């Protein structure tokens, strides 16, 4: 069969087979690189979330501490108001970040719910309609939820696979 072919066709066949192999293995490599890039982007997003959540945890801890040392004097109210303003500024950033999040995992929904509940708890606290213990437990639970969210992001299977791939 090859004896009857022109030299041009023989060269074409000889070059086509390796080219198809090259194309096949290149596409496998390309797909692998795309998957790695997607994992890196997911990991980067988790880092961004933790960078926004960590300051919120810190400010909530400070607000919890001030609320726990409650006294009915002007200095206390000025201090708690100042701390709430700091917390609210960071809360706004976290709300915006979560609003842009296409994931609606249970952890994110819980944090959004707790952010809304924070205002209600503050109002009750200001009106003396909530005990110190109850407000302390609310802050502690909220802080714990935020820490669990960060832990969940960094223990996710995607990130385990990512670290396995780059090592």
Foldseek 3Di string as FASTA:
>chain_A
DVVPDDPVVVVVVVVVVVVVVVVVVVVVVVVVVVLLVVLVVLLVLLVVLCVLLVVLLVLLVVLLVLLLVDDPDPVSVVVNVVSVVVNVVSLVVNVVSLVPDPDDDPLSVVLVVLSVVVVVVVVCSVVVNDDSVRSSVSSVVNSVSSVVVSVCSCVPPSNVVSVVVVD
